[in-house]
Every structure is written in C-alpha cells, then in structure tokens.
C-alpha cells in the first residue's frame, strides 16, 4: 500500500507553524516559500499606507486602485507560499527516480513560480514610489520597509532560480536563466534605489 501524501496548506496556518516548518529538515517548505511570505508582507504594508492616504483623500480613484491591487498581490503571494511547496515535490522525485528530461521539466515549472515573485515585485515597487509622494511623513518609513521586504524577496527568489538552473544539463538554459535574472533584478534594484532616494 502506497504511503499517504500529506500536504500542509500554509496559507491557512499561523506564522509559528510556517517558521517551524522552515526549520525542519524534513519539511518541503523552503526558501521560495519564505520569499513569497516576505512579498506578501511587503504588499500588506503597501496596502496599509494606501488605505491611510485614502482616509484623508476619500474617493481618490488612483488610491482605491492601489489598495485593490496591493490586496490582490498580497493574496497572490500568500498562494505562492503553497505553490512553491507543490512545485518542489516533482523536483525531489525526479532527482531520485527520473532522468534528465524529468528533472528539466520539474525545474522549469518550479522556476516559473519563483519568477512570479520577481515579476510581481515591479508593480509593487511602482506603487511604493507613487505613494512616497502622497503619504504622510509618518508613513514614509513603512514604505521604505515595504521596499526592503520586496527587494529581499526578489533576491531570495533569484537565488532559488539559479539553484534550480544549476541542476539543468542544458548549457543554454542555464545561461539564459542567469542572464534574464540579472536583467530583471537590475531593473528592480534601480527602482528600489529611486524609492530610497525619495524617502530620505
């Protein structure tokens, strides 16, 4: 009789449960899930600041748009915590039981999940930059901290993607993945630097 596969749904669990899982060598929760968690927290702070601005400028459609989309991004990142875990399982199985083709397929799928964290960081950082000109002075530090969380999530995701790429036997895939990540991260670093300058 096959062993029953137990899948934890971390988006429904407490931070204590999630961090305990990260600390366990037997857990499938890993750095990618941690990056998604950080991105969710960064979007939560953006949502918070946008709501504070909206309280003083009720009916502002642009602020309503930022609130709505920050909430969507926050929820999406929470979902990616578990999607990361699900995507890791086929990699572990392929490395134990499969061949090169199975490994390639599994790492490309998992890399796409990580890439979403990096991709979705751009609109979040753009919201932060926009809010930096609108929020009260007391909230500027919150925006800076949101930017820090988002950038850290990007850097962690990039590290995970490069780890996956190193498992590939395809030289072209490894090169393209590394180069793409350098470009994407550089774009977000530039945006982050602009935000930090405005929030001084």
C-alpha atoms as a PDB file:
ATOM      1  CA  UNK A   1       0.000   0.000   0.000  1.00  0.00           C
ATOM      2  CA  UNK A   2       1.382   3.383  -1.041  1.00  0.00           C
ATOM      3  CA  UNK A   3       2.226   5.904   1.631  1.00  0.00           C
ATOM      4  CA  UNK A   4      -0.339   8.642   2.003  1.00  0.00           C
ATOM      5  CA  UNK A   5       0.950  12.035   0.895  1.00  0.00           C
ATOM      6  CA  UNK A   6       0.162  14.732   3.431  1.00  0.00           C
ATOM      7  CA  UNK A   7       0.170  18.272   2.087  1.00  0.00           C
ATOM      8  CA  UNK A   8       0.170  21.164   4.538  1.00  0.00           C
ATOM      9  CA  UNK A   9      -1.637  24.294   3.385  1.00  0.00           C
ATOM     10  CA  UNK A  10       0.489  27.009   4.944  1.00  0.00           C
ATOM     11  CA  UNK A  11      -1.659  29.936   3.857  1.00  0.00           C
ATOM     12  CA  UNK A  12      -4.179  28.694   6.434  1.00  0.00           C
ATOM     13  CA  UNK A  13      -1.613  28.285   9.217  1.00  0.00           C
ATOM     14  CA  UNK A  14      -0.033  30.613  11.759  1.00  0.00           C
ATOM     15  CA  UNK A  15       3.385  32.201  11.325  1.00  0.00           C
ATOM     16  CA  UNK A  16       4.614  29.910  14.115  1.00  0.00           C
ATOM     17  CA  UNK A  17       3.657  26.819  12.080  1.00  0.00           C
ATOM     18  CA  UNK A  18       5.237  28.140   8.901  1.00  0.00           C
ATOM     19  CA  UNK A  19       8.536  29.126  10.502  1.00  0.00           C
ATOM     20  CA  UNK A  20       8.659  25.818  12.383  1.00  0.00           C
ATOM     21  CA  UNK A  21       8.251  24.045   9.039  1.00  0.00           C
ATOM     22  CA  UNK A  22      11.097  26.093   7.556  1.00  0.00           C
ATOM     23  CA  UNK A  23      13.263  24.990  10.481  1.00  0.00           C
ATOM     24  CA  UNK A  24      12.541  21.297   9.873  1.00  0.00           C
ATOM     25  CA  UNK A  25      14.918  19.358   7.572  1.00  0.00           C
ATOM     26  CA  UNK A  26      12.008  17.081   6.605  1.00  0.00           C
ATOM     27  CA  UNK A  27       9.676  19.873   5.507  1.00  0.00           C
ATOM     28  CA  UNK A  28       9.038  20.783   1.869  1.00  0.00           C
ATOM     29  CA  UNK A  29       8.684  24.442   2.849  1.00  0.00           C
ATOM     30  CA  UNK A  30      11.823  26.237   1.752  1.00  0.00           C
ATOM     31  CA  UNK A  31      13.421  29.490   0.680  1.00  0.00           C
ATOM     32  CA  UNK A  32      10.980  30.029  -2.182  1.00  0.00           C
ATOM     33  CA  UNK A  33       8.037  29.887   0.187  1.00  0.00           C
ATOM     34  CA  UNK A  34       9.852  32.263   2.537  1.00  0.00           C
ATOM     35  CA  UNK A  35      10.332  34.694  -0.368  1.00  0.00           C
ATOM     36  CA  UNK A  36       6.609  34.577  -1.141  1.00  0.00           C
ATOM     37  CA  UNK A  37       5.851  35.207   2.543  1.00  0.00           C
ATOM     38  CA  UNK A  38       8.109  38.277   2.526  1.00  0.00           C
ATOM     39  CA  UNK A  39       6.489  39.557  -0.665  1.00  0.00           C
ATOM     40  CA  UNK A  40       3.047  39.135   0.904  1.00  0.00           C
ATOM     41  CA  UNK A  41       4.163  41.172   3.925  1.00  0.00           C
ATOM     42  CA  UNK A  42       5.604  43.874   1.680  1.00  0.00           C
ATOM     43  CA  UNK A  43       2.317  44.168  -0.198  1.00  0.00           C
ATOM     44  CA  UNK A  44       0.425  44.265   3.096  1.00  0.00           C
ATOM     45  CA  UNK A  45       2.432  47.327   4.143  1.00  0.00           C
ATOM     46  CA  UNK A  46       1.762  48.993   0.786  1.00  0.00           C
ATOM     47  CA  UNK A  47      -1.946  48.299   1.224  1.00  0.00           C
ATOM     48  CA  UNK A  48      -1.802  49.780   4.720  1.00  0.00           C
ATOM     49  CA  UNK A  49      -0.162  53.020   3.591  1.00  0.00           C
ATOM     50  CA  UNK A  50      -2.525  53.385   0.632  1.00  0.00           C
ATOM     51  CA  UNK A  51      -5.510  52.961   2.956  1.00  0.00           C
ATOM     52  CA  UNK A  52      -4.125  55.630   5.283  1.00  0.00           C
ATOM     53  CA  UNK A  53      -3.818  58.011   2.313  1.00  0.00           C
ATOM     54  CA  UNK A  54      -7.353  57.165   1.237  1.00  0.00           C
ATOM     55  CA  UNK A  55      -8.711  58.103   4.668  1.00  0.00           C
ATOM     56  CA  UNK A  56      -7.520  61.664   4.030  1.00  0.00           C
ATOM     57  CA  UNK A  57      -8.449  61.702   0.343  1.00  0.00           C
ATOM     58  CA  UNK A  58     -11.682  59.727   0.191  1.00  0.00           C
ATOM     59  CA  UNK A  59     -12.874  58.875  -3.295  1.00  0.00           C
ATOM     60  CA  UNK A  60      -9.429  59.168  -4.898  1.00  0.00           C
ATOM     61  CA  UNK A  61      -9.708  56.571  -7.665  1.00  0.00           C
ATOM     62  CA  UNK A  62      -5.971  56.085  -8.032  1.00  0.00           C
ATOM     63  CA  UNK A  63      -5.551  55.335  -4.334  1.00  0.00           C
ATOM     64  CA  UNK A  64      -8.506  52.957  -4.487  1.00  0.00           C
ATOM     65  CA  UNK A  65      -6.782  51.225  -7.400  1.00  0.00           C
ATOM     66  CA  UNK A  66      -3.543  50.851  -5.418  1.00  0.00           C
ATOM     67  CA  UNK A  67      -5.404  49.492  -2.376  1.00  0.00           C
ATOM     68  CA  UNK A  68      -7.280  46.993  -4.514  1.00  0.00           C
ATOM     69  CA  UNK A  69      -4.215  45.775  -6.385  1.00  0.00           C
ATOM     70  CA  UNK A  70      -1.966  45.628  -3.329  1.00  0.00           C
ATOM     71  CA  UNK A  71      -4.604  43.396  -1.741  1.00  0.00           C
ATOM     72  CA  UNK A  72      -4.697  41.190  -4.849  1.00  0.00           C
ATOM     73  CA  UNK A  73      -0.902  40.927  -4.886  1.00  0.00           C
ATOM     74  CA  UNK A  74      -0.776  40.177  -1.163  1.00  0.00           C
ATOM     75  CA  UNK A  75      -3.279  37.342  -1.595  1.00  0.00           C
ATOM     76  CA  UNK A  76      -1.441  36.051  -4.670  1.00  0.00           C
ATOM     77  CA  UNK A  77       1.867  35.921  -2.812  1.00  0.00           C
ATOM     78  CA  UNK A  78       0.212  34.014   0.032  1.00  0.00           C
ATOM     79  CA  UNK A  79      -0.978  31.453  -2.526  1.00  0.00           C
ATOM     80  CA  UNK A  80       2.554  31.192  -3.891  1.00  0.00           C
ATOM     81  CA  UNK A  81       3.775  30.028  -0.473  1.00  0.00           C
ATOM     82  CA  UNK A  82       1.990  26.736  -1.102  1.00  0.00           C
ATOM     83  CA  UNK A  83       2.568  26.721  -4.874  1.00  0.00           C
ATOM     84  CA  UNK A  84       6.308  26.789  -4.158  1.00  0.00           C
ATOM     85  CA  UNK A  85       5.987  23.745  -1.945  1.00  0.00           C
ATOM     86  CA  UNK A  86       3.927  21.851  -4.525  1.00  0.00           C
ATOM     87  CA  UNK A  87       6.432  22.708  -7.271  1.00  0.00           C
ATOM     88  CA  UNK A  88       9.359  21.365  -5.221  1.00  0.00           C
ATOM     89  CA  UNK A  89       7.905  17.870  -4.860  1.00  0.00           C
ATOM     90  CA  UNK A  90       8.368  16.858  -8.526  1.00  0.00           C
ATOM     91  CA  UNK A  91      11.991  18.064  -8.403  1.00  0.00           C
ATOM     92  CA  UNK A  92      12.759  15.846  -5.418  1.00  0.00           C
ATOM     93  CA  UNK A  93      11.056  12.904  -7.100  1.00  0.00           C
ATOM     94  CA  UNK A  94      12.788  13.483 -10.451  1.00  0.00           C
ATOM     95  CA  UNK A  95      16.221  13.717  -8.828  1.00  0.00           C
ATOM     96  CA  UNK A  96      15.649  10.410  -7.048  1.00  0.00           C
ATOM     97  CA  UNK A  97      13.787   8.427  -9.699  1.00  0.00           C
ATOM     98  CA  UNK A  98      13.776  10.251 -13.022  1.00  0.00           C
ATOM     99  CA  UNK A  99      16.165  11.110 -15.794  1.00  0.00           C
ATOM    100  CA  UNK A 100      17.393  14.358 -17.298  1.00  0.00           C
ATOM    101  CA  UNK A 101      14.092  15.058 -19.079  1.00  0.00           C
ATOM    102  CA  UNK A 102      12.040  14.748 -15.891  1.00  0.00           C
ATOM    103  CA  UNK A 103      14.477  16.951 -13.990  1.00  0.00           C
ATOM    104  CA  UNK A 104      14.386  19.614 -16.715  1.00  0.00           C
ATOM    105  CA  UNK A 105      10.583  19.686 -16.746  1.00  0.00           C
ATOM    106  CA  UNK A 106      10.308  19.890 -12.966  1.00  0.00           C
ATOM    107  CA  UNK A 107      12.877  22.665 -12.504  1.00  0.00           C
ATOM    108  CA  UNK A 108      11.353  24.789 -15.252  1.00  0.00           C
ATOM    109  CA  UNK A 109       7.924  24.567 -13.627  1.00  0.00           C
ATOM    110  CA  UNK A 110       9.333  25.430 -10.194  1.00  0.00           C
ATOM    111  CA  UNK A 111      11.350  28.309 -11.656  1.00  0.00           C
ATOM    112  CA  UNK A 112       8.183  29.814 -13.132  1.00  0.00           C
ATOM    113  CA  UNK A 113       6.671  30.013  -9.639  1.00  0.00           C
ATOM    114  CA  UNK A 114       9.767  31.788  -8.333  1.00  0.00           C
ATOM    115  CA  UNK A 115       9.823  34.101 -11.341  1.00  0.00           C
ATOM    116  CA  UNK A 116       6.322  35.288 -10.473  1.00  0.00           C
ATOM    117  CA  UNK A 117       7.637  36.716  -7.203  1.00  0.00           C
ATOM    118  CA  UNK A 118      10.267  38.682  -9.121  1.00  0.00           C
ATOM    119  CA  UNK A 119       7.834  39.740 -11.868  1.00  0.00           C
ATOM    120  CA  UNK A 120       5.152  40.948  -9.474  1.00  0.00           C
ATOM    121  CA  UNK A 121       7.692  42.918  -7.459  1.00  0.00           C
ATOM    122  CA  UNK A 122       7.772  45.564 -10.180  1.00  0.00           C
ATOM    123  CA  UNK A 123       4.166  46.800  -9.834  1.00  0.00           C
ATOM    124  CA  UNK A 124       4.524  46.738  -6.047  1.00  0.00           C
ATOM    125  CA  UNK A 125       7.670  48.860  -6.181  1.00  0.00           C
ATOM    126  CA  UNK A 126       5.928  51.233  -8.598  1.00  0.00           C
ATOM    127  CA  UNK A 127       3.066  51.598  -6.105  1.00  0.00           C
ATOM    128  CA  UNK A 128       5.592  52.342  -3.353  1.00  0.00           C
ATOM    129  CA  UNK A 129       7.261  55.003  -5.485  1.00  0.00           C
ATOM    130  CA  UNK A 130       3.895  56.589  -6.248  1.00  0.00           C
ATOM    131  CA  UNK A 131       2.801  56.537  -2.612  1.00  0.00           C
ATOM    132  CA  UNK A 132       6.066  58.134  -1.499  1.00  0.00           C
ATOM    133  CA  UNK A 133       4.779  61.431  -2.912  1.00  0.00           C
ATOM    134  CA  UNK A 134       1.305  61.056  -1.400  1.00  0.00           C
ATOM    135  CA  UNK A 135       1.681  59.633   2.086  1.00  0.00           C
ATOM    136  CA  UNK A 136       2.110  61.490   5.355  1.00  0.00           C
ATOM    137  CA  UNK A 137       5.644  61.809   6.706  1.00  0.00           C
ATOM    138  CA  UNK A 138       4.902  59.286   9.445  1.00  0.00           C
ATOM    139  CA  UNK A 139       4.287  56.543   6.861  1.00  0.00           C
ATOM    140  CA  UNK A 140       7.433  57.031   4.797  1.00  0.00           C
ATOM    141  CA  UNK A 141       9.425  54.621   6.931  1.00  0.00           C
ATOM    142  CA  UNK A 142       6.704  51.996   6.355  1.00  0.00           C
ATOM    143  CA  UNK A 143       7.099  52.387   2.602  1.00  0.00           C
ATOM    144  CA  UNK A 144      10.870  52.005   2.912  1.00  0.00           C
ATOM    145  CA  UNK A 145      10.387  48.827   4.922  1.00  0.00           C
ATOM    146  CA  UNK A 146       7.909  47.531   2.333  1.00  0.00           C
ATOM    147  CA  UNK A 147      10.511  48.146  -0.370  1.00  0.00           C
ATOM    148  CA  UNK A 148      13.114  46.271   1.704  1.00  0.00           C
ATOM    149  CA  UNK A 149      10.811  43.252   2.030  1.00  0.00           C
ATOM    150  CA  UNK A 150      10.003  43.239  -1.669  1.00  0.00           C
ATOM    151  CA  UNK A 151      13.639  43.507  -2.734  1.00  0.00           C
ATOM    152  CA  UNK A 152      14.703  40.797  -0.306  1.00  0.00           C
ATOM    153  CA  UNK A 153      12.003  38.510  -1.685  1.00  0.00           C
ATOM    154  CA  UNK A 154      13.378  39.178  -5.194  1.00  0.00           C
ATOM    155  CA  UNK A 155      16.939  38.359  -4.183  1.00  0.00           C
ATOM    156  CA  UNK A 156      15.902  35.145  -2.445  1.00  0.00           C
ATOM    157  CA  UNK A 157      13.782  34.091  -5.424  1.00  0.00           C
ATOM    158  CA  UNK A 158      16.670  34.774  -7.783  1.00  0.00           C
ATOM    159  CA  UNK A 159      18.952  32.619  -5.650  1.00  0.00           C
ATOM    160  CA  UNK A 160      16.432  29.763  -5.755  1.00  0.00           C
ATOM    161  CA  UNK A 161      16.015  30.083  -9.533  1.00  0.00           C
ATOM    162  CA  UNK A 162      19.780  29.931 -10.043  1.00  0.00           C
ATOM    163  CA  UNK A 163      19.967  26.864  -7.797  1.00  0.00           C
ATOM    164  CA  UNK A 164      17.314  25.161  -9.932  1.00  0.00           C
ATOM    165  CA  UNK A 165      19.086  26.191 -13.146  1.00  0.00           C
ATOM    166  CA  UNK A 166      22.311  24.604 -11.885  1.00  0.00           C
ATOM    167  CA  UNK A 167      20.500  21.253 -11.843  1.00  0.00           C
ATOM    168  CA  UNK A 168      19.928  21.504 -15.591  1.00  0.00           C
ATOM    169  CA  UNK A 169      22.212  19.768 -18.087  1.00  0.00           C
ATOM    170  CA  UNK A 170      21.263  22.313 -20.761  1.00  0.00           C
ATOM    171  CA  UNK A 171      24.018  24.942 -21.033  1.00  0.00           C
ATOM    172  CA  UNK A 172      21.786  27.323 -22.992  1.00  0.00           C
ATOM    173  CA  UNK A 173      19.011  27.130 -20.396  1.00  0.00           C
ATOM    174  CA  UNK A 174      21.485  27.821 -17.591  1.00  0.00           C
ATOM    175  CA  UNK A 175      22.968  30.822 -19.403  1.00  0.00           C
ATOM    176  CA  UNK A 176      19.612  32.336 -20.415  1.00  0.00           C
ATOM    177  CA  UNK A 177      18.192  31.854 -16.925  1.00  0.00           C
ATOM    178  CA  UNK A 178      21.187  33.520 -15.298  1.00  0.00           C
ATOM    179  CA  UNK A 179      21.173  36.432 -17.758  1.00  0.00           C
ATOM    180  CA  UNK A 180      17.414  37.004 -17.502  1.00  0.00           C
ATOM    181  CA  UNK A 181      17.647  37.078 -13.740  1.00  0.00           C
ATOM    182  CA  UNK A 182      20.480  39.588 -13.816  1.00  0.00           C
ATOM    183  CA  UNK A 183      18.413  41.905 -16.031  1.00  0.00           C
ATOM    184  CA  UNK A 184      15.180  41.551 -14.040  1.00  0.00           C
ATOM    185  CA  UNK A 185      16.905  42.063 -10.703  1.00  0.00           C
ATOM    186  CA  UNK A 186      18.844  45.059 -12.025  1.00  0.00           C
ATOM    187  CA  UNK A 187      15.588  46.725 -13.133  1.00  0.00           C
ATOM    188  CA  UNK A 188      14.097  46.274  -9.686  1.00  0.00           C
ATOM    189  CA  UNK A 189      17.291  47.413  -7.967  1.00  0.00           C
ATOM    190  CA  UNK A 190      17.129  50.652  -9.971  1.00  0.00           C
ATOM    191  CA  UNK A 191      13.519  51.200  -8.938  1.00  0.00           C
ATOM    192  CA  UNK A 192      14.386  50.409  -5.324  1.00  0.00           C
ATOM    193  CA  UNK A 193      17.257  52.931  -5.405  1.00  0.00           C
ATOM    194  CA  UNK A 194      14.904  55.595  -6.759  1.00  0.00           C
ATOM    195  CA  UNK A 195      12.418  54.869  -3.966  1.00  0.00           C
ATOM    196  CA  UNK A 196      15.094  55.016  -1.272  1.00  0.00           C
ATOM    197  CA  UNK A 197      16.282  58.377  -2.578  1.00  0.00           C
ATOM    198  CA  UNK A 198      12.748  59.796  -2.492  1.00  0.00           C
ATOM    199  CA  UNK A 199      12.093  58.501   1.007  1.00  0.00           C
ATOM    200  CA  UNK A 200      15.222  60.020   2.584  1.00  0.00           C
END
